[in-house]
């Protein structure tokens, strides 16, 4: 899967695929949580309707890379359903 060029959390778009560390698409970015004035990336709210359903919060330290067409997580697909609701 080609994810495109690396991007900043400030330019990551809603609807971007969220990919687990084991390569599975587990949802889409709903929105980015950040304090842009302080340049602090807090995490992502993702829509996991493709999996167990519902919204989940992914903490910034669980996000490995951000690309034009994918947010790649540092956790496997099975762990995504255990993420907290936002």
N, C-alpha and C. Protein backbone atom coordinates (compact mmCIF):
# COMPACT_ATOMS: atom_id res chain seq x y z
N UNK A 1 0.85 -1.19 0.00
CA UNK A 1 0.00 0.00 0.00
C UNK A 1 0.89 1.24 0.00
N UNK A 2 0.65 2.13 -0.91
CA UNK A 2 1.40 3.38 -1.01
C UNK A 2 0.68 4.44 -0.19
N UNK A 3 1.37 4.97 0.81
CA UNK A 3 0.76 5.95 1.71
C UNK A 3 0.97 7.39 1.27
N UNK A 4 1.86 7.62 0.31
CA UNK A 4 2.15 8.99 -0.11
C UNK A 4 3.27 9.60 0.70
N UNK A 5 3.39 10.89 0.60
CA UNK A 5 4.45 11.64 1.28
C UNK A 5 4.12 11.82 2.76
N UNK A 6 5.15 11.90 3.61
CA UNK A 6 4.92 12.21 5.03
C UNK A 6 4.28 13.59 5.16
N UNK A 7 3.40 13.74 6.17
CA UNK A 7 2.74 15.01 6.42
C UNK A 7 2.79 15.33 7.92
N UNK A 8 2.49 16.55 8.23
CA UNK A 8 2.39 17.02 9.61
C UNK A 8 0.98 16.73 10.13
N UNK A 9 0.87 16.64 11.44
CA UNK A 9 -0.46 16.50 12.04
C UNK A 9 -1.35 17.69 11.68
N UNK A 10 -0.72 18.84 11.38
CA UNK A 10 -1.48 20.04 11.05
C UNK A 10 -2.14 19.97 9.68
N UNK A 11 -1.68 19.08 8.83
CA UNK A 11 -2.25 18.97 7.47
C UNK A 11 -2.97 17.65 7.24
N UNK A 12 -2.97 16.77 8.24
CA UNK A 12 -3.67 15.49 8.10
C UNK A 12 -5.17 15.74 7.94
N UNK A 13 -5.76 15.11 6.95
CA UNK A 13 -7.16 15.34 6.61
C UNK A 13 -8.10 14.30 7.23
N UNK A 14 -9.29 14.74 7.62
CA UNK A 14 -10.34 13.82 8.04
C UNK A 14 -10.63 12.89 6.86
N UNK A 15 -10.92 11.63 7.17
CA UNK A 15 -11.20 10.65 6.12
C UNK A 15 -9.98 9.85 5.70
N UNK A 16 -8.79 10.25 6.18
CA UNK A 16 -7.56 9.52 5.87
C UNK A 16 -7.63 8.14 6.53
N UNK A 17 -7.19 7.11 5.80
CA UNK A 17 -7.16 5.75 6.36
C UNK A 17 -6.26 5.69 7.59
N UNK A 18 -6.66 4.87 8.56
CA UNK A 18 -5.83 4.57 9.72
C UNK A 18 -5.42 3.12 9.58
N UNK A 19 -4.10 2.88 9.62
CA UNK A 19 -3.55 1.56 9.37
C UNK A 19 -2.83 1.07 10.62
N UNK A 20 -3.11 -0.15 11.03
CA UNK A 20 -2.47 -0.74 12.21
C UNK A 20 -1.03 -1.12 11.89
N UNK A 21 -0.27 -1.45 12.93
CA UNK A 21 1.13 -1.84 12.74
C UNK A 21 1.27 -3.12 11.93
N UNK A 22 0.21 -3.94 11.90
CA UNK A 22 0.25 -5.16 11.11
C UNK A 22 -0.38 -4.98 9.72
N UNK A 23 -0.56 -3.71 9.32
CA UNK A 23 -0.94 -3.41 7.94
C UNK A 23 -2.42 -3.41 7.61
N UNK A 24 -3.27 -3.56 8.60
CA UNK A 24 -4.72 -3.61 8.37
C UNK A 24 -5.34 -2.21 8.48
N UNK A 25 -6.22 -1.86 7.54
CA UNK A 25 -6.95 -0.60 7.64
C UNK A 25 -8.01 -0.79 8.72
N UNK A 26 -7.93 -0.01 9.79
CA UNK A 26 -8.81 -0.20 10.95
C UNK A 26 -9.82 0.92 11.11
N UNK A 27 -9.77 1.92 10.23
CA UNK A 27 -10.73 3.02 10.31
C UNK A 27 -10.25 4.23 9.53
N UNK A 28 -10.85 5.36 9.87
CA UNK A 28 -10.52 6.64 9.22
C UNK A 28 -10.33 7.71 10.29
N UNK A 29 -9.51 8.69 9.96
CA UNK A 29 -9.32 9.82 10.86
C UNK A 29 -10.62 10.62 10.91
N UNK A 30 -11.13 10.84 12.09
CA UNK A 30 -12.29 11.72 12.29
C UNK A 30 -11.80 13.15 12.49
N UNK A 31 -10.86 13.33 13.43
CA UNK A 31 -10.20 14.61 13.59
C UNK A 31 -8.93 14.48 14.42
N UNK A 32 -8.08 15.49 14.30
CA UNK A 32 -6.80 15.54 14.99
C UNK A 32 -6.98 16.37 16.26
N UNK A 33 -6.45 15.86 17.36
CA UNK A 33 -6.47 16.61 18.62
C UNK A 33 -5.09 17.23 18.82
N UNK A 34 -5.05 18.56 18.86
CA UNK A 34 -3.77 19.25 18.99
C UNK A 34 -3.97 20.66 19.51
N UNK A 35 -2.89 21.19 20.05
CA UNK A 35 -2.82 22.61 20.39
C UNK A 35 -1.81 23.21 19.43
N UNK A 36 -2.30 23.73 18.31
CA UNK A 36 -1.41 24.22 17.27
C UNK A 36 -0.61 25.44 17.72
N UNK A 37 -1.16 26.25 18.62
CA UNK A 37 -0.41 27.41 19.11
C UNK A 37 0.82 26.98 19.89
N UNK A 38 0.72 25.89 20.62
CA UNK A 38 1.84 25.35 21.39
C UNK A 38 2.61 24.27 20.61
N UNK A 39 2.13 23.94 19.40
CA UNK A 39 2.70 22.89 18.55
C UNK A 39 2.76 21.54 19.29
N UNK A 40 1.61 21.17 19.87
CA UNK A 40 1.51 19.91 20.60
C UNK A 40 0.48 19.02 19.92
N UNK A 41 0.92 17.86 19.46
CA UNK A 41 0.04 16.85 18.87
C UNK A 41 -0.38 15.91 19.99
N UNK A 42 -1.68 15.86 20.28
CA UNK A 42 -2.20 15.05 21.38
C UNK A 42 -2.65 13.67 20.93
N UNK A 43 -3.14 13.55 19.70
CA UNK A 43 -3.59 12.25 19.22
C UNK A 43 -4.65 12.40 18.15
N UNK A 44 -5.32 11.28 17.87
CA UNK A 44 -6.34 11.23 16.83
C UNK A 44 -7.63 10.65 17.37
N UNK A 45 -8.74 11.16 16.88
CA UNK A 45 -10.03 10.49 17.07
C UNK A 45 -10.28 9.78 15.75
N UNK A 46 -10.49 8.46 15.84
CA UNK A 46 -10.71 7.68 14.62
C UNK A 46 -12.08 7.03 14.64
N UNK A 47 -12.63 6.87 13.46
CA UNK A 47 -13.91 6.18 13.27
C UNK A 47 -13.58 4.76 12.86
N UNK A 48 -13.92 3.81 13.70
CA UNK A 48 -13.59 2.41 13.44
C UNK A 48 -14.79 1.63 12.90
N UNK A 49 -15.65 2.29 12.17
CA UNK A 49 -16.85 1.61 11.65
C UNK A 49 -16.50 0.41 10.78
N UNK A 50 -15.28 0.38 10.22
CA UNK A 50 -14.86 -0.77 9.43
C UNK A 50 -14.57 -1.97 10.32
N UNK A 51 -14.32 -1.72 11.59
CA UNK A 51 -14.01 -2.79 12.55
C UNK A 51 -15.13 -2.91 13.56
N UNK A 52 -14.80 -2.76 14.86
CA UNK A 52 -15.81 -2.94 15.90
C UNK A 52 -16.83 -1.82 15.96
N UNK A 53 -16.59 -0.74 15.25
CA UNK A 53 -17.54 0.36 15.23
C UNK A 53 -17.30 1.38 16.31
N UNK A 54 -17.71 2.59 16.05
CA UNK A 54 -17.60 3.65 17.02
C UNK A 54 -16.32 4.44 16.91
N UNK A 55 -16.25 5.47 17.72
CA UNK A 55 -15.09 6.35 17.75
C UNK A 55 -14.11 5.86 18.81
N UNK A 56 -12.83 6.03 18.52
CA UNK A 56 -11.77 5.65 19.45
C UNK A 56 -10.73 6.76 19.48
N UNK A 57 -10.06 6.91 20.63
CA UNK A 57 -8.98 7.88 20.78
C UNK A 57 -7.65 7.15 20.69
N UNK A 58 -6.77 7.66 19.82
CA UNK A 58 -5.41 7.13 19.69
C UNK A 58 -4.46 8.20 20.21
N UNK A 59 -3.76 7.90 21.29
CA UNK A 59 -2.81 8.84 21.87
C UNK A 59 -1.64 9.06 20.91
N UNK A 60 -1.05 10.24 20.96
CA UNK A 60 0.04 10.60 20.05
C UNK A 60 1.18 9.59 20.07
N UNK A 61 1.49 9.02 21.24
CA UNK A 61 2.61 8.07 21.30
C UNK A 61 2.28 6.73 20.66
N UNK A 62 1.03 6.52 20.26
CA UNK A 62 0.62 5.30 19.55
C UNK A 62 0.56 5.50 18.04
N UNK A 63 0.86 6.72 17.60
CA UNK A 63 0.87 7.04 16.17
C UNK A 63 2.32 7.04 15.71
N UNK A 64 2.65 6.12 14.80
CA UNK A 64 4.03 5.99 14.32
C UNK A 64 4.38 7.01 13.25
N UNK A 65 3.54 7.11 12.21
CA UNK A 65 3.83 7.98 11.06
C UNK A 65 2.53 8.55 10.50
N UNK A 66 2.62 9.73 9.93
CA UNK A 66 1.48 10.35 9.24
C UNK A 66 1.87 10.60 7.79
N UNK A 67 1.01 10.16 6.88
CA UNK A 67 1.24 10.31 5.45
C UNK A 67 0.02 10.95 4.81
N UNK A 68 0.15 11.30 3.53
CA UNK A 68 -0.95 11.91 2.79
C UNK A 68 -2.20 11.02 2.81
N UNK A 69 -2.01 9.70 2.69
CA UNK A 69 -3.15 8.80 2.58
C UNK A 69 -3.26 7.78 3.71
N UNK A 70 -2.50 7.96 4.78
CA UNK A 70 -2.58 7.00 5.88
C UNK A 70 -1.96 7.56 7.16
N UNK A 71 -2.60 7.23 8.27
CA UNK A 71 -2.02 7.43 9.59
C UNK A 71 -1.66 6.03 10.07
N UNK A 72 -0.38 5.78 10.27
CA UNK A 72 0.08 4.45 10.64
C UNK A 72 0.28 4.38 12.15
N UNK A 73 -0.39 3.41 12.76
CA UNK A 73 -0.32 3.24 14.21
C UNK A 73 0.82 2.31 14.60
N UNK A 74 1.24 2.40 15.83
CA UNK A 74 2.26 1.52 16.36
C UNK A 74 1.67 0.36 17.14
N UNK A 75 0.38 0.12 16.94
CA UNK A 75 -0.31 -0.98 17.64
C UNK A 75 -1.01 -1.86 16.61
N UNK A 76 -1.17 -3.15 16.92
CA UNK A 76 -1.83 -4.06 15.98
C UNK A 76 -3.34 -3.83 15.93
N UNK A 77 -3.95 -4.35 14.90
CA UNK A 77 -5.40 -4.18 14.68
C UNK A 77 -6.21 -4.66 15.89
N UNK A 78 -5.81 -5.75 16.48
CA UNK A 78 -6.55 -6.31 17.62
C UNK A 78 -6.59 -5.34 18.81
N UNK A 79 -5.55 -4.52 18.97
CA UNK A 79 -5.49 -3.57 20.09
C UNK A 79 -6.37 -2.34 19.86
N UNK A 80 -6.73 -2.06 18.62
CA UNK A 80 -7.53 -0.88 18.31
C UNK A 80 -8.90 -0.93 19.00
N UNK A 81 -9.51 -2.10 19.04
CA UNK A 81 -10.83 -2.19 19.68
C UNK A 81 -10.75 -1.95 21.19
N UNK A 82 -9.57 -2.02 21.77
CA UNK A 82 -9.39 -1.75 23.20
C UNK A 82 -9.12 -0.29 23.51
N UNK A 83 -8.94 0.54 22.46
CA UNK A 83 -8.68 1.96 22.68
C UNK A 83 -9.89 2.62 23.33
N UNK A 84 -9.66 3.66 24.12
CA UNK A 84 -10.79 4.33 24.78
C UNK A 84 -11.62 5.16 23.81
N UNK A 85 -12.86 5.39 24.18
CA UNK A 85 -13.70 6.31 23.43
C UNK A 85 -13.21 7.72 23.75
N UNK A 86 -13.36 8.64 22.79
CA UNK A 86 -12.89 10.02 23.05
C UNK A 86 -13.74 10.72 24.11
